[in-house]
PDB file of N, CA and C in Angstrom:
ATOM      1  N   MET A   1     -75.016 230.575  82.350  1.00  0.00           N
ATOM      2  CA  MET A   1     -75.050 230.376  83.653  1.00  0.00           C
ATOM      3  C   MET A   1     -73.920 228.508  83.286  1.00  0.00           C
ATOM      4  N   THR A   2     -72.914 228.922  84.107  1.00  0.00           N
ATOM      5  CA  THR A   2     -72.158 227.321  83.337  1.00  0.00           C
ATOM      6  C   THR A   2     -73.116 226.067  84.421  1.00  0.00           C
ATOM      7  N   PRO A   3     -72.191 225.092  83.311  1.00  0.00           N
ATOM      8  CA  PRO A   3     -72.606 223.623  84.320  1.00  0.00           C
ATOM      9  C   PRO A   3     -71.349 223.778  85.187  1.00  0.00           C
ATOM     10  N   PRO A   4     -71.664 222.380  86.397  1.00  0.00           N
ATOM     11  CA  PRO A   4     -70.586 222.543  87.407  1.00  0.00           C
ATOM     12  C   PRO A   4     -69.833 221.626  86.863  1.00  0.00           C
ATOM     13  N   HIS A   5     -68.508 221.361  87.902  1.00  0.00           N
ATOM     14  CA  HIS A   5     -67.196 220.999  87.584  1.00  0.00           C
ATOM     15  C   HIS A   5     -67.734 219.331  87.241  1.00  0.00           C
ATOM     16  N   ARG A   6     -66.722 218.798  86.338  1.00  0.00           N
ATOM     17  CA  ARG A   6     -67.256 217.722  86.321  1.00  0.00           C
ATOM     18  C   ARG A   6     -66.667 217.014  87.660  1.00  0.00           C
ATOM     19  N   LYS A   7     -67.495 215.846  87.604  1.00  0.00           N
ATOM     20  CA  LYS A   7     -66.716 215.021  88.656  1.00  0.00           C
ATOM     21  C   LYS A   7     -65.817 213.183  88.484  1.00  0.00           C
ATOM     22  N   PHE A   8     -64.336 213.743  89.317  1.00  0.00           N
ATOM     23  CA  PHE A   8     -63.823 212.741  89.365  1.00  0.00           C
ATOM     24  C   PHE A   8     -64.330 211.709  88.961  1.00  0.00           C
ATOM     25  N   LYS A   9     -63.196 210.664  88.135  1.00  0.00           N
ATOM     26  CA  LYS A   9     -64.401 208.915  87.398  1.00  0.00           C
ATOM     27  C   LYS A   9     -64.002 207.985  88.670  1.00  0.00           C
ATOM     28  N   LYS A  10     -62.073 208.295  89.635  1.00  0.00           N
ATOM     29  CA  LYS A  10     -62.324 206.956  90.239  1.00  0.00           C
ATOM     30  C   LYS A  10     -61.214 207.876  90.936  1.00  0.00           C
ATOM     31  N   ASN A  11     -61.683 207.282  92.271  1.00  0.00           N
ATOM     32  CA  ASN A  11     -60.565 208.020  93.568  1.00  0.00           C
ATOM     33  C   ASN A  11     -60.630 209.401  93.985  1.00  0.00           C
ATOM     34  N   ALA A  12     -61.838 210.237  94.110  1.00  0.00           N
ATOM     35  CA  ALA A  12     -61.900 211.218  93.957  1.00  0.00           C
ATOM     36  C   ALA A  12     -61.722 211.357  95.991  1.00  0.00           C
ATOM     37  N   PRO A  13     -60.596 212.305  96.171  1.00  0.00           N
ATOM     38  CA  PRO A  13     -60.748 212.717  97.875  1.00  0.00           C
ATOM     39  C   PRO A  13     -61.774 213.488  98.105  1.00  0.00           C
ATOM     40  N   ALA A  14     -62.168 212.720  99.174  1.00  0.00           N
ATOM     41  CA  ALA A  14     -63.160 212.862 100.743  1.00  0.00           C
ATOM     42  C   ALA A  14     -63.724 214.426 100.418  1.00  0.00           C
ATOM     43  N   TRP A  15     -62.677 215.261 100.415  1.00  0.00           N
ATOM     44  CA  TRP A  15     -63.409 216.657 100.517  1.00  0.00           C
ATOM     45  C   TRP A  15     -63.442 217.358  99.133  1.00  0.00           C
ATOM     46  N   TYR A  16     -63.163 216.268  98.089  1.00  0.00           N
ATOM     47  CA  TYR A  16     -63.785 217.312  96.610  1.00  0.00           C
ATOM     48  C   TYR A  16     -65.336 216.548  96.753  1.00  0.00           C
ATOM     49  N   GLU A  17     -65.753 215.208  96.875  1.00  0.00           N
ATOM     50  CA  GLU A  17     -66.939 215.325  96.543  1.00  0.00           C
ATOM     51  C   GLU A  17     -67.452 215.673  97.518  1.00  0.00           C
ATOM     52  N   GLU A  18     -67.243 216.237  98.477  1.00  0.00           N
ATOM     53  CA  GLU A  18     -68.485 217.465  99.278  1.00  0.00           C
ATOM     54  C   GLU A  18     -68.133 218.392  98.444  1.00  0.00           C
ATOM     55  N   ARG A  19     -67.404 219.230  97.699  1.00  0.00           N
ATOM     56  CA  ARG A  19     -67.470 220.194  97.651  1.00  0.00           C
ATOM     57  C   ARG A  19     -68.151 220.012  96.543  1.00  0.00           C
ATOM     58  N   HIS A  20     -67.583 218.760  95.482  1.00  0.00           N
ATOM     59  CA  HIS A  20     -68.731 219.031  94.181  1.00  0.00           C
ATOM     60  C   HIS A  20     -70.059 218.622  93.984  1.00  0.00           C
ATOM     61  N   GLU A  21     -70.260 217.924  95.654  1.00  0.00           N
ATOM     62  CA  GLU A  21     -71.670 218.414  96.142  1.00  0.00           C
ATOM     63  C   GLU A  21     -72.691 219.501  95.706  1.00  0.00           C
ATOM     64  N   GLN A  22     -71.892 220.106  96.515  1.00  0.00           N
ATOM     65  CA  GLN A  22     -72.448 221.376  97.565  1.00  0.00           C
ATOM     66  C   GLN A  22     -72.402 222.343  95.921  1.00  0.00           C
ATOM     67  N   GLN A  23     -71.229 222.328  94.962  1.00  0.00           N
ATOM     68  CA  GLN A  23     -71.580 222.929  93.857  1.00  0.00           C
ATOM     69  C   GLN A  23     -72.449 222.595  92.960  1.00  0.00           C
ATOM     70  N   ARG A  24     -72.929 221.388  93.243  1.00  0.00           N
ATOM     71  CA  ARG A  24     -73.505 220.841  91.808  1.00  0.00           C
ATOM     72  C   ARG A  24     -75.260 220.770  92.210  1.00  0.00           C
ATOM     73  N   LYS A  25     -75.867 221.081  94.542  1.00  0.00           N
ATOM     74  CA  LYS A  25     -76.879 221.746  94.579  1.00  0.00           C
ATOM     75  C   LYS A  25     -76.986 223.284  93.700  1.00  0.00           C
ATOM     76  N   ALA A  26     -76.401 223.985  94.028  1.00  0.00           N
ATOM     77  CA  ALA A  26     -76.389 225.269  94.284  1.00  0.00           C
ATOM     78  C   ALA A  26     -76.560 225.341  92.870  1.00  0.00           C
ATOM     79  N   HIS A  27     -75.988 224.902  92.001  1.00  0.00           N
ATOM     80  CA  HIS A  27     -75.961 224.813  90.695  1.00  0.00           C
ATOM     81  C   HIS A  27     -77.701 224.423  90.048  1.00  0.00           C
ATOM     82  N   SER A  28     -78.285 223.565  90.656  1.00  0.00           N
ATOM     83  CA  SER A  28     -79.081 223.440  90.054  1.00  0.00           C
ATOM     84  C   SER A  28     -80.615 224.293  90.647  1.00  0.00           C
ATOM     85  N   SER A  29     -80.088 224.672  92.156  1.00  0.00           N
ATOM     86  CA  SER A  29     -81.074 225.613  92.337  1.00  0.00           C
ATOM     87  C   SER A  29     -80.848 227.136  91.627  1.00  0.00           C
ATOM     88  N   ARG A  30     -80.053 227.383  91.537  1.00  0.00           N
ATOM     89  CA  ARG A  30     -80.464 228.122  90.386  1.00  0.00           C
ATOM     90  C   ARG A  30     -81.136 228.011  88.843  1.00  0.00           C
ATOM     91  N   ARG A  31     -81.013 226.811  88.591  1.00  0.00           N
ATOM     92  CA  ARG A  31     -81.050 226.219  87.269  1.00  0.00           C
ATOM     93  C   ARG A  31     -82.521 226.367  87.137  1.00  0.00           C
ATOM     94  N   ILE A  32     -83.779 225.388  88.498  1.00  0.00           N
ATOM     95  CA  ILE A  32     -84.899 225.546  88.368  1.00  0.00           C
ATOM     96  C   ILE A  32     -86.071 226.439  88.646  1.00  0.00           C
ATOM     97  N   ARG A  33     -84.785 227.847  88.858  1.00  0.00           N
ATOM     98  CA  ARG A  33     -84.992 228.825  88.616  1.00  0.00           C
ATOM     99  C   ARG A  33     -85.848 229.534  86.963  1.00  0.00           C
ATOM    100  N   VAL A  34     -84.836 229.374  86.272  1.00  0.00           N
ATOM    101  CA  VAL A  34     -85.038 229.734  84.789  1.00  0.00           C
ATOM    102  C   VAL A  34     -85.411 228.566  84.213  1.00  0.00           C
ATOM    103  N   GLU A  35     -85.541 227.484  84.713  1.00  0.00           N
ATOM    104  CA  GLU A  35     -86.784 226.725  83.998  1.00  0.00           C
ATOM    105  C   GLU A  35     -88.099 226.777  84.121  1.00  0.00           C
ATOM    106  N   HIS A  36     -88.244 227.275  84.738  1.00  0.00           N
ATOM    107  CA  HIS A  36     -89.618 226.895  85.716  1.00  0.00           C
ATOM    108  C   HIS A  36     -89.875 228.476  85.208  1.00  0.00           C
ATOM    109  N   GLY A  37     -89.439 229.332  84.645  1.00  0.00           N
ATOM    110  CA  GLY A  37     -89.290 230.701  84.294  1.00  0.00           C
ATOM    111  C   GLY A  37     -89.901 230.901  83.199  1.00  0.00           C
ATOM    112  N   ILE A  38     -88.985 229.873  82.269  1.00  0.00           N
ATOM    113  CA  ILE A  38     -89.386 229.439  80.680  1.00  0.00           C
ATOM    114  C   ILE A  38     -91.013 229.015  80.491  1.00  0.00           C
ATOM    115  N   ALA A  39     -90.630 227.821  81.561  1.00  0.00           N
ATOM    116  CA  ALA A  39     -91.862 226.577  81.568  1.00  0.00           C
ATOM    117  C   ALA A  39     -93.137 228.124  81.798  1.00  0.00           C
ATOM    118  N   HIS A  40     -93.407 228.844  82.340  1.00  0.00           N
ATOM    119  CA  HIS A  40     -94.276 229.477  82.557  1.00  0.00           C
ATOM    120  C   HIS A  40     -95.262 230.783  81.883  1.00  0.00           C
ATOM    121  N   LEU A  41     -93.457 231.499  80.965  1.00  0.00           N
ATOM    122  CA  LEU A  41     -93.656 231.705  79.534  1.00  0.00           C
ATOM    123  C   LEU A  41     -94.179 230.793  78.750  1.00  0.00           C
ATOM    124  N   LYS A  42     -94.083 229.724  78.067  1.00  0.00           N
ATOM    125  CA  LYS A  42     -94.699 228.671  77.768  1.00  0.00           C
ATOM    126  C   LYS A  42     -96.409 227.987  77.314  1.00  0.00           C
ATOM    127  N   ASN A  43     -96.902 229.072  78.505  1.00  0.00           N
ATOM    128  CA  ASN A  43     -98.193 227.820  79.117  1.00  0.00           C
ATOM    129  C   ASN A  43     -98.890 229.114  78.001  1.00  0.00           C
ATOM    130  N   TRP A  44     -98.226 230.221  77.967  1.00  0.00           N
ATOM    131  CA  TRP A  44     -99.118 231.048  76.911  1.00  0.00           C
ATOM    132  C   TRP A  44     -98.655 230.669  75.267  1.00  0.00           C
ATOM    133  N   ARG A  45    -100.505 230.263  74.538  1.00  0.00           N
ATOM    134  CA  ARG A  45    -100.496 230.406  73.939  1.00  0.00           C
ATOM    135  C   ARG A  45     -99.459 230.960  72.354  1.00  0.00           C
ATOM    136  N   ALA A  46     -98.997 231.795  72.121  1.00  0.00           N
ATOM    137  CA  ALA A  46     -98.121 232.606  71.730  1.00  0.00           C
ATOM    138  C   ALA A  46     -97.137 232.544  71.559  1.00  0.00           C
ATOM    139  N   LEU A  47     -96.602 231.854  72.468  1.00  0.00           N
ATOM    140  CA  LEU A  47     -94.882 230.950  72.555  1.00  0.00           C
ATOM    141  C   LEU A  47     -94.828 229.466  72.823  1.00  0.00           C
ATOM    142  N   ALA A  48     -96.097 228.494  73.105  1.00  0.00           N
ATOM    143  CA  ALA A  48     -95.933 227.490  73.249  1.00  0.00           C
ATOM    144  C   ALA A  48     -95.652 226.737  71.611  1.00  0.00           C
ATOM    145  N   ARG A  49     -96.034 227.314  70.855  1.00  0.00           N
ATOM    146  CA  ARG A  49     -95.510 227.260  69.426  1.00  0.00           C
ATOM    147  C   ARG A  49     -95.695 228.277  68.432  1.00  0.00           C
ATOM    148  N   GLN A  50     -94.358 229.132  68.916  1.00  0.00           N
ATOM    149  CA  GLN A  50     -93.236 229.901  68.208  1.00  0.00           C
ATOM    150  C   GLN A  50     -93.438 229.905  66.592  1.00  0.00           C
ATOM    151  N   LEU A  51     -94.190 230.011  65.390  1.00  0.00           N
ATOM    152  CA  LEU A  51     -94.093 229.814  64.312  1.00  0.00           C
ATOM    153  C   LEU A  51     -93.786 231.252  63.519  1.00  0.00           C
ATOM    154  N   GLY A  52     -93.898 232.201  64.185  1.00  0.00           N
ATOM    155  CA  GLY A  52     -93.532 233.845  63.614  1.00  0.00           C
ATOM    156  C   GLY A  52     -92.104 233.783  62.771  1.00  0.00           C
ATOM    157  N   ARG A  53     -91.991 234.713  62.372  1.00  0.00           N
ATOM    158  CA  ARG A  53     -90.563 235.459  62.395  1.00  0.00           C
ATOM    159  C   ARG A  53     -89.930 235.754  63.482  1.00  0.00           C
ATOM    160  N   ARG A  54     -88.610 235.149  63.271  1.00  0.00           N
ATOM    161  CA  ARG A  54     -87.425 235.209  64.080  1.00  0.00           C
ATOM    162  C   ARG A  54     -87.088 236.895  65.119  1.00  0.00           C
ATOM    163  N   GLU A  55     -87.429 237.890  64.053  1.00  0.00           N
ATOM    164  CA  GLU A  55     -86.884 239.754  64.462  1.00  0.00           C
ATOM    165  C   GLU A  55     -88.640 239.819  65.196  1.00  0.00           C
ATOM    166  N   HIS A  56     -89.413 239.119  65.476  1.00  0.00           N
ATOM    167  CA  HIS A  56     -90.716 239.850  66.048  1.00  0.00           C
ATOM    168  C   HIS A  56     -91.018 238.638  67.662  1.00  0.00           C
ATOM    169  N   MET A  57     -89.614 237.779  67.400  1.00  0.00           N
ATOM    170  CA  MET A  57     -89.963 236.789  68.908  1.00  0.00           C
ATOM    171  C   MET A  57     -89.381 237.731  70.478  1.00  0.00           C
ATOM    172  N   ARG A  58     -88.725 238.406  70.197  1.00  0.00           N
ATOM    173  CA  ARG A  58     -88.054 238.986  71.609  1.00  0.00           C
ATOM    174  C   ARG A  58     -89.423 240.297  71.410  1.00  0.00           C
ATOM    175  N   ASP A  59     -90.341 241.416  70.270  1.00  0.00           N
ATOM    176  CA  ASP A  59     -91.263 241.564  71.055  1.00  0.00           C
ATOM    177  C   ASP A  59     -92.393 241.061  71.877  1.00  0.00           C
ATOM    178  N   ILE A  60     -92.360 239.207  71.243  1.00  0.00           N
ATOM    179  CA  ILE A  60     -93.408 238.668  72.260  1.00  0.00           C
ATOM    180  C   ILE A  60     -93.180 238.045  72.766  1.00  0.00           C
ATOM    181  N   VAL A  61     -92.256 237.526  74.090  1.00  0.00           N
ATOM    182  CA  VAL A  61     -91.661 236.906  74.912  1.00  0.00           C
ATOM    183  C   VAL A  61     -91.577 238.408  75.918  1.00  0.00           C
ATOM    184  N   GLN A  62     -91.559 239.907  75.919  1.00  0.00           N
ATOM    185  CA  GLN A  62     -92.060 240.580  76.196  1.00  0.00           C
ATOM    186  C   GLN A  62     -93.366 241.063  76.599  1.00  0.00           C
ATOM    187  N   ALA A  63     -93.977 241.172  75.438  1.00  0.00           N
ATOM    188  CA  ALA A  63     -95.091 241.377  75.873  1.00  0.00           C
ATOM    189  C   ALA A  63     -95.561 240.095  76.690  1.00  0.00           C
ATOM    190  N   VAL A  64     -95.537 238.671  76.569  1.00  0.00           N
ATOM    191  CA  VAL A  64     -96.275 237.695  77.564  1.00  0.00           C
ATOM    192  C   VAL A  64     -95.341 237.688  79.014  1.00  0.00           C
ATOM    193  N   ALA A  65     -94.178 238.306  78.973  1.00  0.00           N
ATOM    194  CA  ALA A  65     -93.851 238.401  80.764  1.00  0.00           C
ATOM    195  C   ALA A  65     -94.788 239.205  81.444  1.00  0.00           C
ATOM    196  N   GLY A  66     -94.574 240.655  80.640  1.00  0.00           N
ATOM    197  CA  GLY A  66     -95.825 241.743  80.810  1.00  0.00           C
ATOM    198  C   GLY A  66     -96.811 241.232  81.141  1.00  0.00           C
ATOM    199  N   LEU A  67     -97.529 240.412  80.670  1.00  0.00           N
ATOM    200  CA  LEU A  67     -98.619 239.771  80.816  1.00  0.00           C
ATOM    201  C   LEU A  67     -98.894 238.462  81.757  1.00  0.00           C
ATOM    202  N   LEU A  68     -97.580 237.892  81.228  1.00  0.00           N
ATOM    203  CA  LEU A  68     -98.105 236.843  83.073  1.00  0.00           C
ATOM    204  C   LEU A  68     -97.862 237.746  84.246  1.00  0.00           C
ATOM    205  N   SER A  69     -96.755 238.756  84.381  1.00  0.00           N
ATOM    206  CA  SER A  69     -96.408 239.552  85.482  1.00  0.00           C
ATOM    207  C   SER A  69     -97.652 240.089  86.024  1.00  0.00           C
ATOM    208  N   HIS A  70     -98.139 240.772  85.566  1.00  0.00           N
ATOM    209  CA  HIS A  70    -100.444 240.991  86.033  1.00  0.00           C
ATOM    210  C   HIS A  70    -100.190 240.155  85.996  1.00  0.00           C
ATOM    211  N   GLN A  71    -100.674 238.911  85.260  1.00  0.00           N
ATOM    212  CA  GLN A  71    -102.195 237.864  85.922  1.00  0.00           C
ATOM    213  C   GLN A  71    -101.632 237.545  87.280  1.00  0.00           C
ATOM    214  N   GLN A  72    -100.390 237.890  88.005  1.00  0.00           N
ATOM    215  CA  GLN A  72     -99.273 236.825  88.620  1.00  0.00           C
ATOM    216  C   GLN A  72     -99.635 237.806  89.762  1.00  0.00           C
ATOM    217  N   ALA A  73     -99.616 239.247  89.557  1.00  0.00           N
ATOM    218  CA  ALA A  73     -99.989 240.431  90.769  1.00  0.00           C
ATOM    219  C   ALA A  73    -101.186 240.680  91.095  1.00  0.00           C
ATOM    220  N   ALA A  74    -102.521 240.321  90.022  1.00  0.00           N
ATOM    221  CA  ALA A  74    -103.927 240.149  90.145  1.00  0.00           C
ATOM    222  C   ALA A  74    -103.966 238.942  90.772  1.00  0.00           C
ATOM    223  N   THR A  75    -103.580 237.992  91.080  1.00  0.00           N
ATOM    224  CA  THR A  75    -103.655 236.460  91.590  1.00  0.00           C
ATOM    225  C   THR A  75    -103.540 236.540  93.102  1.00  0.00           C
ATOM    226  N   LEU A  76    -102.232 237.683  93.104  1.00  0.00           N
ATOM    227  CA  LEU A  76    -101.595 237.394  94.520  1.00  0.00           C
ATOM    228  C   LEU A  76    -102.271 238.701  95.175  1.00  0.00           C
ATOM    229  N   GLY A  77    -103.250 239.578  94.391  1.00  0.00           N
ATOM    230  CA  GLY A  77    -103.674 240.574  94.821  1.00  0.00           C
ATOM    231  C   GLY A  77    -105.021 239.767  95.502  1.00  0.00           C
ATOM    232  N   HIS A  78    -105.843 238.747  94.705  1.00  0.00           N
ATOM    233  CA  HIS A  78    -107.031 238.737  94.565  1.00  0.00           C
ATOM    234  C   HIS A  78    -106.839 238.020  96.417  1.00  0.00           C
ATOM    235  N   SER A  79    -105.935 237.144  96.040  1.00  0.00           N
ATOM    236  CA  SER A  79    -105.531 235.930  97.270  1.00  0.00           C
ATOM    237  C   SER A  79    -105.717 236.865  98.981  1.00  0.00           C
ATOM    238  N   LEU A  80    -104.709 237.973  98.502  1.00  0.00           N
ATOM    239  CA  LEU A  80    -104.812 238.336 100.186  1.00  0.00           C
ATOM    240  C   LEU A  80    -105.626 239.349 100.751  1.00  0.00           C
ATOM    241  N   ARG A  81    -107.434 239.595  99.306  1.00  0.00           N
ATOM    242  CA  ARG A  81    -108.387 240.212  99.937  1.00  0.00           C
ATOM    243  C   ARG A  81    -109.178 238.793 100.443  1.00  0.00           C
ATOM    244  N   THR A  82    -109.088 237.824 100.194  1.00  0.00           N
ATOM    245  CA  THR A  82    -109.750 236.671 100.803  1.00  0.00           C
ATOM    246  C   THR A  82    -108.957 236.013 101.703  1.00  0.00           C
TER     247      THR A  82
END
């Protein structure tokens, strides 16, 4: 993910201001999805304070992501039944 273009410091044309605002909103909409995904993973104690070896980090993240996916599917299924 790349950051949006930098804004003019002074005397920016009106069309540029509007385009910059649209790009900024589009970027923040994509970024918030990533931020929320990371936050959900950090709710698991295994990732909150990951002090283990780096070579095991990929396996831990995949395991936690699988557990989180399973938990969300079970919660969704339960709420649809009630």
